[in-house]
Every structure is written in C-alpha cells, then in structure tokens.
Amino acid sequence: IVRLNGLANPNRIRIGQKLELPANASTGSSIATLAARYPNLPRSISD
C-alpha cells in the first residue's frame, strides 16, 4: 500500500484520502460481501 500510493510516512494518512490497493486485494472482505455472507448479523454489527 505504501509503495502503490507513494506514502512518505505510512503513519500519516488523512480522513477522506483514497488509497489504491494492490491487484491481489481481497474484495471477498469488502463490506458488501461480508454482509451478504452473514444475513442474520445483529444490526449493531451489520450497520
């Protein structure tokens, strides 16, 4: 992530900043996919 986004200091990222992820990033961990896997999660988690 540091290399792909040219981050000089990985400890300094800002809210709203868009970070491109490597091609092998697991979209299986995306929010939409996770919610679809577990449709009965309590709202305090799914939301």
All heavy atoms as atom14 arrays in JSON, in Angstrom:
{
  "sequence": "IVRLNGLANPNRIRIGQKLELPANASTGSSIATLAARYPNLPRSISD",
  "atom14_mask": [
    [1, 1, 1, 1, 1, 1, 1, 1, 0, 0, 0, 0, 0, 0],
    [1, 1, 1, 1, 1, 1, 1, 0, 0, 0, 0, 0, 0, 0],
    [1, 1, 1, 1, 1, 1, 1, 1, 1, 1, 1, 0, 0, 0],
    [1, 1, 1, 1, 1, 1, 1, 1, 0, 0, 0, 0, 0, 0],
    [1, 1, 1, 1, 1, 1, 1, 1, 0, 0, 0, 0, 0, 0],
    [1, 1, 1, 1, 0, 0, 0, 0, 0, 0, 0, 0, 0, 0],
    [1, 1, 1, 1, 1, 1, 1, 1, 0, 0, 0, 0, 0, 0],
    [1, 1, 1, 1, 1, 0, 0, 0, 0, 0, 0, 0, 0, 0],
    [1, 1, 1, 1, 1, 1, 1, 1, 0, 0, 0, 0, 0, 0],
    [1, 1, 1, 1, 1, 1, 1, 0, 0, 0, 0, 0, 0, 0],
    [1, 1, 1, 1, 1, 1, 1, 1, 0, 0, 0, 0, 0, 0],
    [1, 1, 1, 1, 1, 1, 1, 1, 1, 1, 1, 0, 0, 0],
    [1, 1, 1, 1, 1, 1, 1, 1, 0, 0, 0, 0, 0, 0],
    [1, 1, 1, 1, 1, 1, 1, 1, 1, 1, 1, 0, 0, 0],
    [1, 1, 1, 1, 1, 1, 1, 1, 0, 0, 0, 0, 0, 0],
    [1, 1, 1, 1, 0, 0, 0, 0, 0, 0, 0, 0, 0, 0],
    [1, 1, 1, 1, 1, 1, 1, 1, 1, 0, 0, 0, 0, 0],
    [1, 1, 1, 1, 1, 1, 1, 1, 1, 0, 0, 0, 0, 0],
    [1, 1, 1, 1, 1, 1, 1, 1, 0, 0, 0, 0, 0, 0],
    [1, 1, 1, 1, 1, 1, 1, 1, 1, 0, 0, 0, 0, 0],
    [1, 1, 1, 1, 1, 1, 1, 1, 0, 0, 0, 0, 0, 0],
    [1, 1, 1, 1, 1, 1, 1, 0, 0, 0, 0, 0, 0, 0],
    [1, 1, 1, 1, 1, 0, 0, 0, 0, 0, 0, 0, 0, 0],
    [1, 1, 1, 1, 1, 1, 1, 1, 0, 0, 0, 0, 0, 0],
    [1, 1, 1, 1, 1, 0, 0, 0, 0, 0, 0, 0, 0, 0],
    [1, 1, 1, 1, 1, 1, 0, 0, 0, 0, 0, 0, 0, 0],
    [1, 1, 1, 1, 1, 1, 1, 0, 0, 0, 0, 0, 0, 0],
    [1, 1, 1, 1, 0, 0, 0, 0, 0, 0, 0, 0, 0, 0],
    [1, 1, 1, 1, 1, 1, 0, 0, 0, 0, 0, 0, 0, 0],
    [1, 1, 1, 1, 1, 1, 0, 0, 0, 0, 0, 0, 0, 0],
    [1, 1, 1, 1, 1, 1, 1, 1, 0, 0, 0, 0, 0, 0],
    [1, 1, 1, 1, 1, 0, 0, 0, 0, 0, 0, 0, 0, 0],
    [1, 1, 1, 1, 1, 1, 1, 0, 0, 0, 0, 0, 0, 0],
    [1, 1, 1, 1, 1, 1, 1, 1, 0, 0, 0, 0, 0, 0],
    [1, 1, 1, 1, 1, 0, 0, 0, 0, 0, 0, 0, 0, 0],
    [1, 1, 1, 1, 1, 0, 0, 0, 0, 0, 0, 0, 0, 0],
    [1, 1, 1, 1, 1, 1, 1, 1, 1, 1, 1, 0, 0, 0],
    [1, 1, 1, 1, 1, 1, 1, 1, 1, 1, 1, 1, 0, 0],
    [1, 1, 1, 1, 1, 1, 1, 0, 0, 0, 0, 0, 0, 0],
    [1, 1, 1, 1, 1, 1, 1, 1, 0, 0, 0, 0, 0, 0],
    [1, 1, 1, 1, 1, 1, 1, 1, 0, 0, 0, 0, 0, 0],
    [1, 1, 1, 1, 1, 1, 1, 0, 0, 0, 0, 0, 0, 0],
    [1, 1, 1, 1, 1, 1, 1, 1, 1, 1, 1, 0, 0, 0],
    [1, 1, 1, 1, 1, 1, 0, 0, 0, 0, 0, 0, 0, 0],
    [1, 1, 1, 1, 1, 1, 1, 1, 0, 0, 0, 0, 0, 0],
    [1, 1, 1, 1, 1, 1, 0, 0, 0, 0, 0, 0, 0, 0],
    [1, 1, 1, 1, 1, 1, 1, 1, 0, 0, 0, 0, 0, 0]
  ],
  "atom14_positions": [
    [[0.84, -1.2, 0.0], [0.0, 0.0, 0.0], [0.87, 1.25, 0.0], [0.6, 2.22, -0.72], [-0.95, -0.01, 1.22], [-1.93, -1.18, 1.11], [-1.71, 1.32, 1.31], [-2.86, -1.3, 2.3], [0.0, 0.0, 0.0], [0.0, 0.0, 0.0], [0.0, 0.0, 0.0], [0.0, 0.0, 0.0], [0.0, 0.0, 0.0], [0.0, 0.0, 0.0]],
    [[1.93, 1.23, 0.8], [2.84, 2.38, 0.86], [3.46, 2.64, -0.51], [3.48, 3.78, -0.99], [3.94, 2.13, 1.92], [5.03, 3.18, 1.82], [3.33, 2.13, 3.32], [0.0, 0.0, 0.0], [0.0, 0.0, 0.0], [0.0, 0.0, 0.0], [0.0, 0.0, 0.0], [0.0, 0.0, 0.0], [0.0, 0.0, 0.0], [0.0, 0.0, 0.0]],
    [[3.93, 1.58, -1.15], [4.59, 1.74, -2.45], [3.62, 2.22, -3.52], [3.91, 3.15, -4.28], [5.21, 0.41, -2.87], [5.84, 0.42, -4.27], [6.29, -0.97, -4.69], [5.21, -1.95, -4.62], [4.25, -2.04, -5.55], [4.24, -1.21, -6.59], [3.31, -2.96, -5.43], [0.0, 0.0, 0.0], [0.0, 0.0, 0.0], [0.0, 0.0, 0.0]],
    [[2.43, 1.61, -3.56], [1.46, 1.91, -4.61], [0.96, 3.35, -4.53], [0.66, 3.96, -5.55], [0.29, 0.94, -4.5], [-0.67, 0.85, -5.69], [0.07, 0.44, -6.95], [-1.78, -0.14, -5.39], [0.0, 0.0, 0.0], [0.0, 0.0, 0.0], [0.0, 0.0, 0.0], [0.0, 0.0, 0.0], [0.0, 0.0, 0.0], [0.0, 0.0, 0.0]],
    [[0.9, 3.88, -3.3], [0.36, 5.23, -3.12], [1.44, 6.27, -2.85], [1.12, 7.44, -2.59], [-0.66, 5.23, -1.98], [-1.9, 4.43, -2.33], [-2.81, 4.92, -2.97], [-1.91, 3.15, -1.93], [0.0, 0.0, 0.0], [0.0, 0.0, 0.0], [0.0, 0.0, 0.0], [0.0, 0.0, 0.0], [0.0, 0.0, 0.0], [0.0, 0.0, 0.0]],
    [[2.71, 5.85, -2.9], [3.8, 6.8, -2.69], [3.74, 7.49, -1.34], [4.0, 8.7, -1.23], [0.0, 0.0, 0.0], [0.0, 0.0, 0.0], [0.0, 0.0, 0.0], [0.0, 0.0, 0.0], [0.0, 0.0, 0.0], [0.0, 0.0, 0.0], [0.0, 0.0, 0.0], [0.0, 0.0, 0.0], [0.0, 0.0, 0.0], [0.0, 0.0, 0.0]],
    [[3.41, 6.74, -0.3], [3.27, 7.33, 1.03], [4.65, 7.55, 1.65], [5.39, 6.58, 1.91], [2.43, 6.43, 1.94], [0.99, 6.15, 1.49], [0.31, 5.21, 2.47], [0.2, 7.45, 1.37], [0.0, 0.0, 0.0], [0.0, 0.0, 0.0], [0.0, 0.0, 0.0], [0.0, 0.0, 0.0], [0.0, 0.0, 0.0], [0.0, 0.0, 0.0]],
    [[5.0, 8.8, 1.91], [6.29, 9.1, 2.52], [6.31, 8.65, 3.97], [7.33, 8.2, 4.49], [6.59, 10.59, 2.42], [0.0, 0.0, 0.0], [0.0, 0.0, 0.0], [0.0, 0.0, 0.0], [0.0, 0.0, 0.0], [0.0, 0.0, 0.0], [0.0, 0.0, 0.0], [0.0, 0.0, 0.0], [0.0, 0.0, 0.0], [0.0, 0.0, 0.0]],
    [[5.15, 8.77, 4.65], [5.05, 8.38, 6.05], [3.76, 7.58, 6.23], [2.67, 8.15, 6.26], [5.03, 9.61, 6.96], [5.04, 9.25, 8.44], [4.83, 8.09, 8.81], [5.27, 10.22, 9.3], [0.0, 0.0, 0.0], [0.0, 0.0, 0.0], [0.0, 0.0, 0.0], [0.0, 0.0, 0.0], [0.0, 0.0, 0.0], [0.0, 0.0, 0.0]],
    [[3.85, 6.24, 6.34], [2.65, 5.42, 6.45], [1.84, 5.68, 7.72], [0.7, 5.24, 7.83], [3.2, 3.98, 6.44], [4.61, 4.11, 6.86], [5.08, 5.44, 6.35], [0.0, 0.0, 0.0], [0.0, 0.0, 0.0], [0.0, 0.0, 0.0], [0.0, 0.0, 0.0], [0.0, 0.0, 0.0], [0.0, 0.0, 0.0], [0.0, 0.0, 0.0]],
    [[2.43, 6.41, 8.67], [1.7, 6.73, 9.9], [0.88, 8.0, 9.76], [0.2, 8.4, 10.71], [2.69, 6.89, 11.06], [3.41, 5.59, 11.37], [2.81, 4.53, 11.4], [4.72, 5.67, 11.58], [0.0, 0.0, 0.0], [0.0, 0.0, 0.0], [0.0, 0.0, 0.0], [0.0, 0.0, 0.0], [0.0, 0.0, 0.0], [0.0, 0.0, 0.0]],
    [[0.95, 8.62, 8.59], [0.21, 9.86, 8.38], [-0.67, 9.74, 7.15], [-0.23, 9.93, 6.02], [1.17, 11.05, 8.24], [2.02, 11.29, 9.49], [2.83, 12.56, 9.37], [1.97, 13.74, 9.36], [2.42, 14.99, 9.28], [3.72, 15.23, 9.18], [1.58, 15.99, 9.29], [0.0, 0.0, 0.0], [0.0, 0.0, 0.0], [0.0, 0.0, 0.0]],
    [[-1.9, 9.34, 7.36], [-2.91, 9.34, 6.31], [-4.08, 10.17, 6.82], [-4.27, 10.3, 8.03], [-3.36, 7.91, 5.94], [-3.85, 7.14, 7.17], [-2.24, 7.16, 5.24], [-4.38, 5.75, 6.85], [0.0, 0.0, 0.0], [0.0, 0.0, 0.0], [0.0, 0.0, 0.0], [0.0, 0.0, 0.0], [0.0, 0.0, 0.0], [0.0, 0.0, 0.0]],
    [[-4.84, 10.74, 5.92], [-5.88, 11.68, 6.33], [-7.28, 11.14, 5.99], [-7.45, 10.38, 5.03], [-5.69, 13.03, 5.65], [-5.87, 13.01, 4.16], [-5.61, 14.37, 3.52], [-5.9, 14.35, 2.1], [-5.1, 13.88, 1.17], [-3.91, 13.4, 1.51], [-5.46, 13.9, -0.1], [0.0, 0.0, 0.0], [0.0, 0.0, 0.0], [0.0, 0.0, 0.0]],
    [[-8.25, 11.52, 6.78], [-9.63, 11.13, 6.54], [-10.05, 11.65, 5.16], [-9.8, 12.8, 4.81], [-10.55, 11.7, 7.64], [-10.23, 11.03, 8.98], [-12.02, 11.49, 7.28], [-10.97, 11.61, 10.16], [0.0, 0.0, 0.0], [0.0, 0.0, 0.0], [0.0, 0.0, 0.0], [0.0, 0.0, 0.0], [0.0, 0.0, 0.0], [0.0, 0.0, 0.0]],
    [[-10.68, 10.79, 4.4], [-11.12, 11.14, 3.05], [-10.11, 10.79, 1.98], [-10.45, 10.8, 0.78], [0.0, 0.0, 0.0], [0.0, 0.0, 0.0], [0.0, 0.0, 0.0], [0.0, 0.0, 0.0], [0.0, 0.0, 0.0], [0.0, 0.0, 0.0], [0.0, 0.0, 0.0], [0.0, 0.0, 0.0], [0.0, 0.0, 0.0], [0.0, 0.0, 0.0]],
    [[-8.88, 10.5, 2.37], [-7.85, 10.13, 1.39], [-8.21, 8.79, 0.73], [-8.68, 7.87, 1.39], [-6.5, 10.02, 2.09], [-5.34, 9.69, 1.18], [-4.01, 9.71, 1.93], [-3.96, 10.01, 3.13], [-2.93, 9.37, 1.25], [0.0, 0.0, 0.0], [0.0, 0.0, 0.0], [0.0, 0.0, 0.0], [0.0, 0.0, 0.0], [0.0, 0.0, 0.0]],
    [[-8.0, 8.7, -0.58], [-8.3, 7.46, -1.3], [-6.99, 6.72, -1.55], [-6.07, 7.26, -2.15], [-9.02, 7.76, -2.61], [-10.4, 8.39, -2.38], [-11.15, 8.55, -3.68], [-12.5, 9.23, -3.45], [-13.36, 8.48, -2.53], [0.0, 0.0, 0.0], [0.0, 0.0, 0.0], [0.0, 0.0, 0.0], [0.0, 0.0, 0.0], [0.0, 0.0, 0.0]],
    [[-6.93, 5.49, -1.09], [-5.75, 4.67, -1.24], [-6.03, 3.54, -2.22], [-6.94, 2.73, -2.01], [-5.33, 4.08, 0.11], [-4.92, 5.09, 1.19], [-4.61, 4.36, 2.49], [-3.72, 5.92, 0.75], [0.0, 0.0, 0.0], [0.0, 0.0, 0.0], [0.0, 0.0, 0.0], [0.0, 0.0, 0.0], [0.0, 0.0, 0.0], [0.0, 0.0, 0.0]],
    [[-5.25, 3.5, -3.3], [-5.38, 2.4, -4.24], [-4.73, 1.17, -3.63], [-3.67, 1.25, -2.99], [-4.71, 2.75, -5.57], [-4.92, 1.69, -6.63], [-4.37, 2.09, -7.98], [-4.11, 3.3, -8.18], [-4.19, 1.19, -8.83], [0.0, 0.0, 0.0], [0.0, 0.0, 0.0], [0.0, 0.0, 0.0], [0.0, 0.0, 0.0], [0.0, 0.0, 0.0]],
    [[-5.36, 0.03, -3.83], [-4.88, -1.23, -3.26], [-4.3, -2.12, -4.34], [-4.65, -2.0, -5.52], [-6.01, -1.95, -2.54], [-6.67, -1.14, -1.41], [-7.87, -1.9, -0.88], [-5.69, -0.86, -0.3], [0.0, 0.0, 0.0], [0.0, 0.0, 0.0], [0.0, 0.0, 0.0], [0.0, 0.0, 0.0], [0.0, 0.0, 0.0], [0.0, 0.0, 0.0]],
    [[-3.4, -3.03, -3.98], [-2.8, -3.93, -4.96], [-3.83, -4.78, -5.67], [-4.95, -4.99, -5.16], [-1.85, -4.79, -4.12], [-1.58, -3.97, -2.89], [-2.84, -3.21, -2.62], [0.0, 0.0, 0.0], [0.0, 0.0, 0.0], [0.0, 0.0, 0.0], [0.0, 0.0, 0.0], [0.0, 0.0, 0.0], [0.0, 0.0, 0.0], [0.0, 0.0, 0.0]],
    [[-3.45, -5.3, -6.83], [-4.38, -6.09, -7.63], [-4.84, -7.35, -6.91], [-5.9, -7.89, -7.19], [-3.72, -6.47, -8.96], [0.0, 0.0, 0.0], [0.0, 0.0, 0.0], [0.0, 0.0, 0.0], [0.0, 0.0, 0.0], [0.0, 0.0, 0.0], [0.0, 0.0, 0.0], [0.0, 0.0, 0.0], [0.0, 0.0, 0.0], [0.0, 0.0, 0.0]],
    [[-4.03, -7.82, -5.94], [-4.39, -9.04, -5.22], [-5.21, -8.77, -3.97], [-5.42, -9.65, -3.15], [-3.14, -9.84, -4.84], [-2.24, -9.08, -3.87], [-2.26, -7.85, -3.84], [-1.44, -9.8, -3.11], [0.0, 0.0, 0.0], [0.0, 0.0, 0.0], [0.0, 0.0, 0.0], [0.0, 0.0, 0.0], [0.0, 0.0, 0.0], [0.0, 0.0, 0.0]],
    [[-5.69, -7.53, -3.81], [-6.51, -7.19, -2.64], [-7.76, -8.05, -2.63], [-8.39, -8.27, -3.67], [-6.88, -5.71, -2.66], [0.0, 0.0, 0.0], [0.0, 0.0, 0.0], [0.0, 0.0, 0.0], [0.0, 0.0, 0.0], [0.0, 0.0, 0.0], [0.0, 0.0, 0.0], [0.0, 0.0, 0.0], [0.0, 0.0, 0.0], [0.0, 0.0, 0.0]],
    [[-8.12, -8.55, -1.48], [-9.23, -9.48, -1.35], [-10.54, -8.72, -1.26], [-10.91, -8.22, -0.2], [-9.06, -10.37, -0.12], [-10.22, -11.15, 0.07], [0.0, 0.0, 0.0], [0.0, 0.0, 0.0], [0.0, 0.0, 0.0], [0.0, 0.0, 0.0], [0.0, 0.0, 0.0], [0.0, 0.0, 0.0], [0.0, 0.0, 0.0], [0.0, 0.0, 0.0]],
    [[-11.27, -8.61, -2.37], [-12.58, -7.98, -2.33], [-13.58, -8.88, -1.65], [-14.7, -8.47, -1.37], [-13.06, -7.65, -3.74], [-13.03, -8.83, -4.52], [-12.19, -6.58, -4.37], [0.0, 0.0, 0.0], [0.0, 0.0, 0.0], [0.0, 0.0, 0.0], [0.0, 0.0, 0.0], [0.0, 0.0, 0.0], [0.0, 0.0, 0.0], [0.0, 0.0, 0.0]],
    [[-13.19, -10.15, -1.37], [-14.06, -11.01, -0.58], [-14.24, -10.47, 0.82], [-15.11, -10.88, 1.56], [0.0, 0.0, 0.0], [0.0, 0.0, 0.0], [0.0, 0.0, 0.0], [0.0, 0.0, 0.0], [0.0, 0.0, 0.0], [0.0, 0.0, 0.0], [0.0, 0.0, 0.0], [0.0, 0.0, 0.0], [0.0, 0.0, 0.0], [0.0, 0.0, 0.0]],
    [[-13.38, -9.51, 1.23], [-13.5, -8.9, 2.54], [-14.24, -7.57, 2.49], [-14.29, -6.85, 3.47], [-12.1, -8.67, 3.13], [-11.45, -9.89, 3.35], [0.0, 0.0, 0.0], [0.0, 0.0, 0.0], [0.0, 0.0, 0.0], [0.0, 0.0, 0.0], [0.0, 0.0, 0.0], [0.0, 0.0, 0.0], [0.0, 0.0, 0.0], [0.0, 0.0, 0.0]],
    [[-14.79, -7.21, 1.32], [-15.5, -5.95, 1.22], [-16.75, -5.99, 2.07], [-17.3, -7.05, 2.37], [-15.86, -5.64, -0.23], [-16.89, -6.51, -0.66], [0.0, 0.0, 0.0], [0.0, 0.0, 0.0], [0.0, 0.0, 0.0], [0.0, 0.0, 0.0], [0.0, 0.0, 0.0], [0.0, 0.0, 0.0], [0.0, 0.0, 0.0], [0.0, 0.0, 0.0]],
    [[-17.21, -4.82, 2.46], [-18.38, -4.74, 3.33], [-19.59, -5.4, 2.71], [-20.32, -6.15, 3.35], [-18.67, -3.26, 3.67], [-17.56, -2.7, 4.56], [-20.01, -3.11, 4.35], [-17.38, -3.43, 5.87], [0.0, 0.0, 0.0], [0.0, 0.0, 0.0], [0.0, 0.0, 0.0], [0.0, 0.0, 0.0], [0.0, 0.0, 0.0], [0.0, 0.0, 0.0]],
    [[-19.83, -5.16, 1.42], [-21.0, -5.74, 0.76], [-20.96, -7.26, 0.79], [-21.96, -7.92, 1.04], [-21.09, -5.23, -0.68], [0.0, 0.0, 0.0], [0.0, 0.0, 0.0], [0.0, 0.0, 0.0], [0.0, 0.0, 0.0], [0.0, 0.0, 0.0], [0.0, 0.0, 0.0], [0.0, 0.0, 0.0], [0.0, 0.0, 0.0], [0.0, 0.0, 0.0]],
    [[-19.79, -7.82, 0.54], [-19.66, -9.27, 0.51], [-19.82, -9.87, 1.89], [-20.47, -10.9, 2.07], [-18.29, -9.66, -0.08], [-18.17, -9.11, -1.39], [-18.15, -11.17, -0.15], [0.0, 0.0, 0.0], [0.0, 0.0, 0.0], [0.0, 0.0, 0.0], [0.0, 0.0, 0.0], [0.0, 0.0, 0.0], [0.0, 0.0, 0.0], [0.0, 0.0, 0.0]],
    [[-19.22, -9.22, 2.88], [-19.33, -9.73, 4.25], [-20.78, -9.73, 4.71], [-21.25, -10.68, 5.34], [-18.48, -8.88, 5.2], [-16.96, -8.93, 4.96], [-16.24, -8.0, 5.93], [-16.44, -10.35, 5.1], [0.0, 0.0, 0.0], [0.0, 0.0, 0.0], [0.0, 0.0, 0.0], [0.0, 0.0, 0.0], [0.0, 0.0, 0.0], [0.0, 0.0, 0.0]],
    [[-21.5, -8.66, 4.41], [-22.91, -8.58, 4.81], [-23.73, -9.66, 4.1], [-24.64, -10.24, 4.7], [-23.46, -7.19, 4.5], [0.0, 0.0, 0.0], [0.0, 0.0, 0.0], [0.0, 0.0, 0.0], [0.0, 0.0, 0.0], [0.0, 0.0, 0.0], [0.0, 0.0, 0.0], [0.0, 0.0, 0.0], [0.0, 0.0, 0.0], [0.0, 0.0, 0.0]],
    [[-23.39, -9.92, 2.84], [-24.13, -10.95, 2.1], [-23.86, -12.34, 2.65], [-24.74, -13.2, 2.63], [-23.74, -10.89, 0.62], [0.0, 0.0, 0.0], [0.0, 0.0, 0.0], [0.0, 0.0, 0.0], [0.0, 0.0, 0.0], [0.0, 0.0, 0.0], [0.0, 0.0, 0.0], [0.0, 0.0, 0.0], [0.0, 0.0, 0.0], [0.0, 0.0, 0.0]],
    [[-22.66, -12.57, 3.16], [-22.33, -13.88, 3.71], [-23.11, -14.16, 4.99], [-23.43, -15.31, 5.28], [-20.84, -13.94, 4.07], [-19.89, -14.08, 2.92], [-18.5, -14.23, 3.47], [-17.47, -13.95, 2.48], [-16.19, -13.8, 2.77], [-15.79, -13.89, 4.02], [-15.32, -13.55, 1.82], [0.0, 0.0, 0.0], [0.0, 0.0, 0.0], [0.0, 0.0, 0.0]],
    [[-23.37, -13.12, 5.76], [-23.98, -13.28, 7.08], [-25.24, -12.41, 7.19], [-25.24, -11.35, 7.81], [-22.98, -12.9, 8.17], [-21.78, -13.81, 8.23], [-20.64, -13.54, 7.48], [-21.78, -14.96, 9.0], [-19.53, -14.38, 7.51], [-20.69, -15.81, 9.04], [-19.56, -15.51, 8.28], [-18.48, -16.35, 8.32], [0.0, 0.0, 0.0], [0.0, 0.0, 0.0]],
    [[-26.34, -12.85, 6.59], [-27.55, -12.02, 6.53], [-28.27, -11.84, 7.86], [-29.14, -10.97, 7.97], [-28.43, -12.76, 5.53], [-27.99, -14.19, 5.64], [-26.5, -14.13, 5.88], [0.0, 0.0, 0.0], [0.0, 0.0, 0.0], [0.0, 0.0, 0.0], [0.0, 0.0, 0.0], [0.0, 0.0, 0.0], [0.0, 0.0, 0.0], [0.0, 0.0, 0.0]],
    [[-27.92, -12.63, 8.87], [-28.64, -12.56, 10.15], [-27.86, -11.84, 11.25], [-28.22, -11.93, 12.42], [-28.99, -13.98, 10.62], [-29.9, -14.69, 9.65], [-30.87, -14.12, 9.16], [-29.58, -15.94, 9.35], [0.0, 0.0, 0.0], [0.0, 0.0, 0.0], [0.0, 0.0, 0.0], [0.0, 0.0, 0.0], [0.0, 0.0, 0.0], [0.0, 0.0, 0.0]],
    [[-26.8, -11.15, 10.88], [-26.0, -10.45, 11.88], [-26.84, -9.41, 12.62], [-27.73, -8.78, 12.04], [-24.83, -9.73, 11.21], [-23.67, -10.57, 10.69], [-22.68, -9.69, 9.95], [-22.97, -11.3, 11.84], [0.0, 0.0, 0.0], [0.0, 0.0, 0.0], [0.0, 0.0, 0.0], [0.0, 0.0, 0.0], [0.0, 0.0, 0.0], [0.0, 0.0, 0.0]],
    [[-26.57, -9.2, 13.91], [-27.25, -8.12, 14.64], [-27.0, -6.78, 13.95], [-25.92, -6.55, 13.39], [-26.59, -8.17, 16.03], [-26.07, -9.58, 16.14], [-25.65, -9.97, 14.77], [0.0, 0.0, 0.0], [0.0, 0.0, 0.0], [0.0, 0.0, 0.0], [0.0, 0.0, 0.0], [0.0, 0.0, 0.0], [0.0, 0.0, 0.0], [0.0, 0.0, 0.0]],
    [[-27.95, -5.89, 14.0], [-27.82, -4.59, 13.34], [-26.65, -3.8, 13.88], [-26.04, -3.01, 13.16], [-29.11, -3.78, 13.52], [-30.31, -4.33, 12.75], [-30.16, -4.08, 11.25], [-30.11, -2.68, 10.93], [-31.19, -1.91, 10.74], [-32.41, -2.44, 10.85], [-31.06, -0.64, 10.42], [0.0, 0.0, 0.0], [0.0, 0.0, 0.0], [0.0, 0.0, 0.0]],
    [[-26.32, -4.0, 15.16], [-25.2, -3.26, 15.74], [-23.88, -3.62, 15.06], [-22.91, -2.87, 15.15], [-25.09, -3.54, 17.24], [-24.88, -4.93, 17.49], [0.0, 0.0, 0.0], [0.0, 0.0, 0.0], [0.0, 0.0, 0.0], [0.0, 0.0, 0.0], [0.0, 0.0, 0.0], [0.0, 0.0, 0.0], [0.0, 0.0, 0.0], [0.0, 0.0, 0.0]],
    [[-23.86, -4.75, 14.36], [-22.67, -5.16, 13.61], [-22.84, -4.87, 12.13], [-21.98, -4.26, 11.5], [-22.37, -6.65, 13.84], [-21.96, -6.88, 15.29], [-21.28, -7.14, 12.89], [-21.82, -8.33, 15.67], [0.0, 0.0, 0.0], [0.0, 0.0, 0.0], [0.0, 0.0, 0.0], [0.0, 0.0, 0.0], [0.0, 0.0, 0.0], [0.0, 0.0, 0.0]],
    [[-23.96, -5.29, 11.55], [-24.15, -5.12, 10.11], [-24.18, -3.66, 9.7], [-23.82, -3.32, 8.57], [-25.44, -5.82, 9.66], [-26.57, -5.24, 10.29], [0.0, 0.0, 0.0], [0.0, 0.0, 0.0], [0.0, 0.0, 0.0], [0.0, 0.0, 0.0], [0.0, 0.0, 0.0], [0.0, 0.0, 0.0], [0.0, 0.0, 0.0], [0.0, 0.0, 0.0]],
    [[-24.6, -2.77, 10.61], [-24.65, -1.34, 10.29], [-23.39, -0.6, 10.68], [-23.32, 0.62, 10.54], [-25.85, -0.69, 11.0], [-27.19, -1.14, 10.43], [-27.19, -1.8, 9.36], [-28.23, -0.85, 11.04], [0.0, 0.0, 0.0], [0.0, 0.0, 0.0], [0.0, 0.0, 0.0], [0.0, 0.0, 0.0], [0.0, 0.0, 0.0], [0.0, 0.0, 0.0]]
  ]
}
